[in-house]
Amino acid sequence: MNSEKQYIDLYHECRQQICDHSADAMNAVRDTAFADFQRQGFPTRKVERYKYTAIDELFEPNYGLNINRLE
């Protein structure tokens, strides 16, 4: 599974929980920003600013996100 799909699936599964625990200002732009991410994905090494950074590899591991803000 590529890392972009991992985060896309997570967002679709947990969208309501994410919005419930976020500020209105973030929620107002979240869907538009997410649509941009789905279209563009993570930057690749072809983008000059990311030439030496493998973004896809950095986000590949499961970091165990705490969506519900459990202690």
C-alpha atoms as a PDB file:
ATOM      1  CA  MET A   1       0.000   0.000   0.000  1.00  0.00           C
ATOM      2  CA  ASN A   2       1.464   3.354  -0.889  1.00  0.00           C
ATOM      3  CA  SER A   3       1.542   6.012   1.777  1.00  0.00           C
ATOM      4  CA  GLU A   4      -0.838   8.375  -0.025  1.00  0.00           C
ATOM      5  CA  LYS A   5      -3.546   5.716  -0.141  1.00  0.00           C
ATOM      6  CA  GLN A   6      -2.973   5.006   3.552  1.00  0.00           C
ATOM      7  CA  TYR A   7      -3.737   8.628   4.465  1.00  0.00           C
ATOM      8  CA  ILE A   8      -6.597   8.955   1.971  1.00  0.00           C
ATOM      9  CA  ASP A   9      -8.276   5.870   3.428  1.00  0.00           C
ATOM     10  CA  LEU A  10      -7.679   7.085   6.973  1.00  0.00           C
ATOM     11  CA  TYR A  11      -9.247  10.444   6.173  1.00  0.00           C
ATOM     12  CA  HIS A  12     -12.329   8.865   4.611  1.00  0.00           C
ATOM     13  CA  GLU A  13     -12.756   6.512   7.583  1.00  0.00           C
ATOM     14  CA  CYS A  14     -12.208   9.148  10.288  1.00  0.00           C
ATOM     15  CA  ARG A  15     -13.301  12.420   8.696  1.00  0.00           C
ATOM     16  CA  GLN A  16     -16.063  13.118  11.206  1.00  0.00           C
ATOM     17  CA  GLN A  17     -13.813  12.413  14.188  1.00  0.00           C
ATOM     18  CA  ILE A  18     -11.102  14.648  12.743  1.00  0.00           C
ATOM     19  CA  CYS A  19     -13.566  17.502  12.262  1.00  0.00           C
ATOM     20  CA  ASP A  20     -15.094  17.016  15.722  1.00  0.00           C
ATOM     21  CA  HIS A  21     -11.686  17.527  17.345  1.00  0.00           C
ATOM     22  CA  SER A  22     -10.559  20.466  15.191  1.00  0.00           C
ATOM     23  CA  ALA A  23     -11.093  24.206  15.080  1.00  0.00           C
ATOM     24  CA  ASP A  24     -13.755  25.639  12.785  1.00  0.00           C
ATOM     25  CA  ALA A  25     -11.085  27.547  10.855  1.00  0.00           C
ATOM     26  CA  MET A  26      -9.359  24.257   9.980  1.00  0.00           C
ATOM     27  CA  ASN A  27     -12.607  22.495   9.161  1.00  0.00           C
ATOM     28  CA  ALA A  28     -13.596  25.291   6.774  1.00  0.00           C
ATOM     29  CA  VAL A  29     -10.686  24.564   4.418  1.00  0.00           C
ATOM     30  CA  ARG A  30     -10.035  20.883   5.121  1.00  0.00           C
ATOM     31  CA  ASP A  31     -12.132  19.327   2.322  1.00  0.00           C
ATOM     32  CA  THR A  32     -10.637  21.620  -0.319  1.00  0.00           C
ATOM     33  CA  ALA A  33      -7.119  20.940   0.928  1.00  0.00           C
ATOM     34  CA  PHE A  34      -7.784  17.206   0.986  1.00  0.00           C
ATOM     35  CA  ALA A  35      -9.122  17.283  -2.572  1.00  0.00           C
ATOM     36  CA  ASP A  36      -5.865  19.013  -3.597  1.00  0.00           C
ATOM     37  CA  PHE A  37      -3.866  16.289  -1.833  1.00  0.00           C
ATOM     38  CA  GLN A  38      -5.842  13.549  -3.590  1.00  0.00           C
ATOM     39  CA  ARG A  39      -5.167  15.201  -6.941  1.00  0.00           C
ATOM     40  CA  GLN A  40      -1.485  16.043  -6.402  1.00  0.00           C
ATOM     41  CA  GLY A  41      -0.316  13.501  -3.826  1.00  0.00           C
ATOM     42  CA  PHE A  42       2.909  13.936  -1.911  1.00  0.00           C
ATOM     43  CA  PRO A  43       5.591  15.987  -3.658  1.00  0.00           C
ATOM     44  CA  THR A  44       8.068  13.893  -5.594  1.00  0.00           C
ATOM     45  CA  ARG A  45      11.781  14.337  -6.096  1.00  0.00           C
ATOM     46  CA  LYS A  46      10.955  15.980  -9.427  1.00  0.00           C
ATOM     47  CA  VAL A  47       9.832  19.054  -7.458  1.00  0.00           C
ATOM     48  CA  GLU A  48      12.994  21.088  -6.894  1.00  0.00           C
ATOM     49  CA  ARG A  49      12.334  21.835  -3.213  1.00  0.00           C
ATOM     50  CA  TYR A  50      11.923  18.110  -2.503  1.00  0.00           C
ATOM     51  CA  LYS A  51      14.758  16.868  -4.705  1.00  0.00           C
ATOM     52  CA  TYR A  52      16.597  15.248  -1.793  1.00  0.00           C
ATOM     53  CA  THR A  53      13.570  14.237   0.276  1.00  0.00           C
ATOM     54  CA  ALA A  54      11.564  11.053  -0.191  1.00  0.00           C
ATOM     55  CA  ILE A  55       8.260  12.276   1.254  1.00  0.00           C
ATOM     56  CA  ASP A  56       6.438   9.080   0.302  1.00  0.00           C
ATOM     57  CA  GLU A  57       8.933   6.999   2.303  1.00  0.00           C
ATOM     58  CA  LEU A  58       8.698   9.300   5.344  1.00  0.00           C
ATOM     59  CA  PHE A  59       4.931   8.874   5.589  1.00  0.00           C
ATOM     60  CA  GLU A  60       4.861   5.161   4.751  1.00  0.00           C
ATOM     61  CA  PRO A  61       5.114   3.730   8.311  1.00  0.00           C
ATOM     62  CA  ASN A  62       2.005   3.457  10.443  1.00  0.00           C
ATOM     63  CA  TYR A  63       2.644   6.063  13.131  1.00  0.00           C
ATOM     64  CA  GLY A  64      -0.418   5.067  15.148  1.00  0.00           C
ATOM     65  CA  LEU A  65      -2.372   8.309  14.875  1.00  0.00           C
ATOM     66  CA  ASN A  66      -4.480   9.218  17.899  1.00  0.00           C
ATOM     67  CA  ILE A  67      -7.642  10.513  16.199  1.00  0.00           C
ATOM     68  CA  ASN A  68      -9.798  10.311  19.349  1.00  0.00           C
ATOM     69  CA  ARG A  69      -7.176  12.061  21.526  1.00  0.00           C
ATOM     70  CA  LEU A  70      -6.863   9.173  23.941  1.00  0.00           C
ATOM     71  CA  GLU A  71      -4.305   9.509  26.706  1.00  0.00           C
END
